[in-house]
Protein backbone atom coordinates (compact mmCIF):
# COMPACT_ATOMS: atom_id res chain seq x y z
CA MET A 1 52.11 2.00 18.77
CA ASN A 2 50.02 -0.87 20.16
CA ASN A 3 49.92 0.86 23.57
CA ARG A 4 48.44 3.99 21.95
CA ILE A 5 45.74 2.00 20.23
CA ALA A 6 44.98 0.12 23.43
CA ALA A 7 44.72 3.41 25.32
CA LEU A 8 42.36 4.93 22.75
CA LEU A 9 40.20 1.86 22.26
CA PRO A 10 37.77 2.40 25.21
CA SER A 11 36.96 5.99 24.21
CA LEU A 12 36.62 4.97 20.56
CA LEU A 13 34.21 2.17 21.41
CA LEU A 14 32.18 4.47 23.63
CA SER A 15 31.92 7.13 20.91
CA LEU A 16 30.68 4.47 18.49
CA ALA A 17 28.18 3.04 20.97
CA LEU A 18 26.62 6.30 22.20
CA PRO A 19 24.41 6.86 19.16
CA LEU A 20 23.12 3.31 19.49
CA MET A 21 22.20 3.68 23.15
CA ALA A 22 18.60 4.53 23.94
CA ALA A 23 18.37 8.19 24.81
CA GLU A 24 15.53 9.85 26.64
CA PRO A 25 13.04 11.20 24.11
CA VAL A 26 12.86 14.93 23.58
CA TRP A 27 9.34 16.31 24.01
CA ILE A 28 8.55 19.04 21.48
CA ASP A 29 5.43 21.20 21.63
CA VAL A 30 4.66 22.21 18.04
CA SER A 31 1.75 24.51 18.91
CA SER A 32 1.66 28.28 18.49
CA PRO A 33 3.70 30.51 20.81
CA GLU A 34 0.48 31.70 22.45
CA GLU A 35 -0.70 28.14 23.12
CA TYR A 36 2.70 27.17 24.49
CA ALA A 37 2.67 30.17 26.84
CA GLN A 38 -0.76 29.11 28.17
CA GLN A 39 0.20 25.51 28.94
CA HIS A 40 2.76 22.89 28.00
CA LEU A 41 4.38 19.74 29.27
CA ALA A 42 6.96 20.46 31.95
CA ASP A 43 9.98 19.12 30.05
CA ALA A 44 8.89 20.16 26.56
CA ILE A 45 10.72 22.57 24.35
CA HIS A 46 8.80 24.75 21.94
CA ILE A 47 9.31 24.59 18.19
CA PRO A 48 6.21 25.74 16.26
CA HIS A 49 5.13 23.31 13.55
CA THR A 50 5.77 26.03 10.95
CA ARG A 51 9.48 25.98 11.92
CA ILE A 52 9.91 22.31 12.76
CA ALA A 53 12.48 21.36 10.10
CA ARG A 54 14.96 24.10 10.91
CA GLY A 55 14.31 24.08 14.65
CA VAL A 56 14.90 20.36 15.05
CA SER A 57 17.81 20.07 12.62
CA THR A 58 19.59 22.94 14.40
CA ARG A 59 19.10 21.59 17.92
CA TYR A 60 19.21 17.85 17.14
CA PRO A 61 21.37 17.10 14.11
CA ASP A 62 21.55 13.40 15.07
CA LYS A 63 18.72 11.81 13.08
CA ASN A 64 18.51 8.99 15.65
CA THR A 65 17.38 11.37 18.41
CA PRO A 66 14.04 10.14 19.78
CA LEU A 67 11.47 12.92 19.32
CA ASN A 68 7.96 13.03 20.79
CA LEU A 69 5.76 15.70 19.22
CA TYR A 70 2.46 17.05 20.48
CA ASP A 71 0.21 20.11 20.20
CA ARG A 72 -3.28 21.01 21.40
CA GLY A 73 -5.21 18.47 19.32
CA GLY A 74 -2.60 16.31 17.59
CA ASN A 75 -3.01 17.39 13.94
CA ARG A 76 0.01 19.69 13.79
CA ALA A 77 2.11 17.11 15.62
CA GLN A 78 1.25 14.56 12.94
CA GLN A 79 2.18 16.99 10.15
CA ALA A 80 5.45 17.90 11.87
CA SER A 81 6.24 14.23 12.42
CA GLU A 82 5.79 13.48 8.73
CA ALA A 83 8.02 16.41 7.78
CA LEU A 84 10.80 15.20 10.09
CA GLN A 85 10.56 11.66 8.75
CA ILE A 86 10.99 13.01 5.23
CA LEU A 87 14.16 14.74 6.47
CA GLY A 88 15.46 11.36 7.68
CA TYR A 89 14.65 11.43 11.38
CA ARG A 90 14.13 7.80 12.39
CA GLN A 91 12.59 7.99 15.86
CA VAL A 92 9.78 10.52 15.54
CA SER A 93 6.43 9.97 17.19
CA ALA A 94 3.31 12.16 17.09
CA LYS A 95 1.89 11.72 20.59
CA GLY A 96 -1.40 13.60 20.10
CA GLY A 97 -2.92 16.43 22.06
CA PHE A 98 -1.90 18.15 25.27
CA ASP A 99 -5.03 17.27 27.27
CA ASP A 100 -4.69 13.56 26.51
CA LEU A 101 -1.02 13.55 27.50
CA GLU A 102 -1.67 15.50 30.68
CA ALA A 103 -4.43 13.02 31.59
CA THR A 104 -1.82 10.22 31.55
CA GLY A 105 0.03 11.98 34.38
CA ILE A 106 2.82 13.68 32.46
CA PRO A 107 3.67 16.87 34.41
CA SER A 108 2.62 20.13 32.81
CA ARG A 109 3.18 23.83 33.36
CA TYR A 110 0.78 26.72 33.43
CA PRO A 111 1.71 30.38 33.81
CA THR A 112 1.59 31.82 37.31
CA PRO A 113 -1.25 34.30 37.87
CA GLU A 114 1.29 37.14 37.94
CA ALA A 115 2.82 36.10 34.62
CA ALA A 116 -0.61 35.67 33.03
CA ASP A 117 -1.69 39.11 34.28
CA GLN A 118 1.51 40.73 33.00
CA SER A 119 1.17 38.97 29.65
CA ALA A 120 -2.41 40.19 29.30
CA ARG A 121 -1.30 43.79 29.83
CA LEU A 122 1.42 43.72 27.18
CA THR A 123 0.44 45.44 23.98
CA LEU A 124 2.37 46.16 20.85
CA ALA A 125 2.28 49.67 19.47
CA PRO A 126 2.29 49.97 15.69
CA VAL A 127 5.54 51.27 14.29
CA SER A 128 5.88 52.91 10.92
CA TYR A 129 9.14 53.31 9.13
CA THR A 130 9.96 55.82 6.47
CA ALA A 131 12.93 55.90 4.15
CA ALA A 132 14.30 58.85 6.16
CA SER A 133 14.11 57.01 9.50
CA ALA A 134 15.63 53.84 7.99
CA ALA A 135 18.72 55.83 6.91
CA HIS A 136 19.52 56.73 10.55
């Protein structure tokens, strides 16, 4: 029995220590989908500020995950940060606006000219549904 415990001890200690180890912060762009498509930090994921609680809790259930939030001007990042802190996230930081962060040298992404041109040509046609078409 002691040999089993001794064999399991290293993996048990590691599993207990991992949450305490400093992880790389996750960069989250809380701006609108349109703003994110125009420009965002290279390693950022997109979760709009209107969906921050569900988006973060689904992807990052560990409340010790370091989260850096930003948007175009910083206001929505601050609101999203406060919402996450209320939910119990302990390492949340509103980092401000995109332009200020980009000026510090953090890599960013912009759409290629081809992607921007294709995006500009996409249009949505209105669709109307009737009770008869919904039954099919």
